[in-house]
Amino acid sequence: MDINQLIEIIKNKLNKNIDCDNIKVEDKTFLHKDHKTHDKNKYHIKIIITSNYLKTKNKIKSTKEIYKILDEELKKYIHSIQILIN
């Protein structure tokens, strides 16, 4: 899977399952290419979500909900994920 496909899947899944005003997904893989554990088939992703729904929850619950939604992608295509909730 290429990064553009993955970004679309992430956006679609989050939009479908969480009330969001905006979702931005960034590929940060280039920052980690020299790491010993780098796998060219997995990506480093940054997700910026604007959601009043998520802001009403504490950070741990919001993160768990996002991880549950993206479970398959996390197992197969994502090495690292950074989540910012606005």
C-alpha atoms as a PDB file:
ATOM      1  CA  MET A   1       0.000   0.000   0.000  1.00  0.00           C
ATOM      2  CA  ASP A   2       1.312   3.449  -0.783  1.00  0.00           C
ATOM      3  CA  ILE A   3       1.112   6.410   1.572  1.00  0.00           C
ATOM      4  CA  ASN A   4      -1.666   8.182  -0.343  1.00  0.00           C
ATOM      5  CA  GLN A   5      -3.935   5.144  -0.113  1.00  0.00           C
ATOM      6  CA  LEU A   6      -3.200   4.829   3.585  1.00  0.00           C
ATOM      7  CA  ILE A   7      -3.966   8.496   4.230  1.00  0.00           C
ATOM      8  CA  GLU A   8      -7.330   8.165   2.467  1.00  0.00           C
ATOM      9  CA  ILE A   9      -8.213   5.037   4.442  1.00  0.00           C
ATOM     10  CA  ILE A  10      -7.308   6.751   7.727  1.00  0.00           C
ATOM     11  CA  LYS A  11      -9.365   9.844   6.895  1.00  0.00           C
ATOM     12  CA  ASN A  12     -12.370   7.799   5.766  1.00  0.00           C
ATOM     13  CA  LYS A  13     -12.358   5.530   8.806  1.00  0.00           C
ATOM     14  CA  LEU A  14     -12.002   8.387  11.268  1.00  0.00           C
ATOM     15  CA  ASN A  15     -14.689  10.473   9.543  1.00  0.00           C
ATOM     16  CA  LYS A  16     -17.046   7.506   9.532  1.00  0.00           C
ATOM     17  CA  ASN A  17     -16.558   6.679  13.214  1.00  0.00           C
ATOM     18  CA  ILE A  18     -15.895  10.009  14.938  1.00  0.00           C
ATOM     19  CA  ASP A  19     -17.657  13.347  14.714  1.00  0.00           C
ATOM     20  CA  CYS A  20     -14.813  15.482  13.305  1.00  0.00           C
ATOM     21  CA  ASP A  21     -14.651  18.992  11.932  1.00  0.00           C
ATOM     22  CA  ASN A  22     -11.304  18.396  10.250  1.00  0.00           C
ATOM     23  CA  ILE A  23      -8.723  15.645   9.856  1.00  0.00           C
ATOM     24  CA  LYS A  24      -5.219  16.180   8.562  1.00  0.00           C
ATOM     25  CA  VAL A  25      -2.882  13.218   8.042  1.00  0.00           C
ATOM     26  CA  GLU A  26       0.828  13.786   7.442  1.00  0.00           C
ATOM     27  CA  ASP A  27       3.511  11.334   6.391  1.00  0.00           C
ATOM     28  CA  LYS A  28       6.484  11.705   8.735  1.00  0.00           C
ATOM     29  CA  THR A  29       8.301   8.578   7.558  1.00  0.00           C
ATOM     30  CA  PHE A  30      11.189  10.596   6.121  1.00  0.00           C
ATOM     31  CA  LEU A  31      12.176  11.573   9.669  1.00  0.00           C
ATOM     32  CA  HIS A  32      12.815   7.937  10.571  1.00  0.00           C
ATOM     33  CA  LYS A  33      14.401   6.379   7.473  1.00  0.00           C
ATOM     34  CA  ASP A  34      17.831   6.120   9.100  1.00  0.00           C
ATOM     35  CA  HIS A  35      16.573   4.302  12.189  1.00  0.00           C
ATOM     36  CA  LYS A  36      17.667   0.705  12.639  1.00  0.00           C
ATOM     37  CA  THR A  37      14.079  -0.464  13.058  1.00  0.00           C
ATOM     38  CA  HIS A  38      12.822   1.293   9.916  1.00  0.00           C
ATOM     39  CA  ASP A  39      10.632  -0.949   7.752  1.00  0.00           C
ATOM     40  CA  LYS A  40      10.062   0.405   4.244  1.00  0.00           C
ATOM     41  CA  ASN A  41       6.588  -1.177   4.251  1.00  0.00           C
ATOM     42  CA  LYS A  42       5.415   0.736   7.329  1.00  0.00           C
ATOM     43  CA  TYR A  43       4.836   4.439   7.809  1.00  0.00           C
ATOM     44  CA  HIS A  44       5.179   7.075  10.486  1.00  0.00           C
ATOM     45  CA  ILE A  45       1.960   9.057  10.574  1.00  0.00           C
ATOM     46  CA  LYS A  46       0.868  12.293  12.233  1.00  0.00           C
ATOM     47  CA  ILE A  47      -2.870  12.830  12.614  1.00  0.00           C
ATOM     48  CA  ILE A  48      -4.305  16.219  13.533  1.00  0.00           C
ATOM     49  CA  ILE A  49      -7.992  16.024  14.400  1.00  0.00           C
ATOM     50  CA  THR A  50     -10.332  18.896  15.137  1.00  0.00           C
ATOM     51  CA  SER A  51     -13.222  17.366  17.057  1.00  0.00           C
ATOM     52  CA  ASN A  52     -15.370  18.670  19.875  1.00  0.00           C
ATOM     53  CA  TYR A  53     -16.432  15.088  20.498  1.00  0.00           C
ATOM     54  CA  LEU A  54     -12.861  13.939  21.201  1.00  0.00           C
ATOM     55  CA  LYS A  55     -12.089  17.051  23.235  1.00  0.00           C
ATOM     56  CA  THR A  56     -14.837  16.071  25.696  1.00  0.00           C
ATOM     57  CA  LYS A  57     -12.952  12.847  26.452  1.00  0.00           C
ATOM     58  CA  ASN A  58      -9.647  12.557  28.231  1.00  0.00           C
ATOM     59  CA  LYS A  59      -6.538  11.988  26.121  1.00  0.00           C
ATOM     60  CA  ILE A  60      -6.232   8.278  26.917  1.00  0.00           C
ATOM     61  CA  LYS A  61      -9.842   7.493  25.965  1.00  0.00           C
ATOM     62  CA  SER A  62      -9.586   9.510  22.752  1.00  0.00           C
ATOM     63  CA  THR A  63      -6.363   7.763  21.790  1.00  0.00           C
ATOM     64  CA  LYS A  64      -7.803   4.316  22.542  1.00  0.00           C
ATOM     65  CA  GLU A  65     -10.809   5.070  20.378  1.00  0.00           C
ATOM     66  CA  ILE A  66      -8.601   6.120  17.470  1.00  0.00           C
ATOM     67  CA  TYR A  67      -6.389   3.040  17.890  1.00  0.00           C
ATOM     68  CA  LYS A  68      -9.450   0.801  17.862  1.00  0.00           C
ATOM     69  CA  ILE A  69     -10.727   2.387  14.637  1.00  0.00           C
ATOM     70  CA  LEU A  70      -7.323   2.073  12.952  1.00  0.00           C
ATOM     71  CA  ASP A  71      -6.477  -1.357  14.376  1.00  0.00           C
ATOM     72  CA  GLU A  72      -5.910  -3.093  11.040  1.00  0.00           C
ATOM     73  CA  GLU A  73      -3.795  -0.254   9.635  1.00  0.00           C
ATOM     74  CA  LEU A  74      -1.715  -0.120  12.811  1.00  0.00           C
ATOM     75  CA  LYS A  75      -0.970  -3.824  12.569  1.00  0.00           C
ATOM     76  CA  LYS A  76      -0.120  -3.837   8.867  1.00  0.00           C
ATOM     77  CA  TYR A  77       1.012  -0.402   7.677  1.00  0.00           C
ATOM     78  CA  ILE A  78       1.808   1.984  10.528  1.00  0.00           C
ATOM     79  CA  HIS A  79       4.986   1.779  12.562  1.00  0.00           C
ATOM     80  CA  SER A  80       4.425   4.944  14.566  1.00  0.00           C
ATOM     81  CA  ILE A  81       1.523   7.321  15.052  1.00  0.00           C
ATOM     82  CA  GLN A  82       1.327  10.783  16.581  1.00  0.00           C
ATOM     83  CA  ILE A  83      -2.126  12.133  17.416  1.00  0.00           C
ATOM     84  CA  LEU A  84      -2.989  15.764  18.076  1.00  0.00           C
ATOM     85  CA  ILE A  85      -6.547  16.647  19.058  1.00  0.00           C
ATOM     86  CA  ASN A  86      -7.717  20.248  18.727  1.00  0.00           C
END
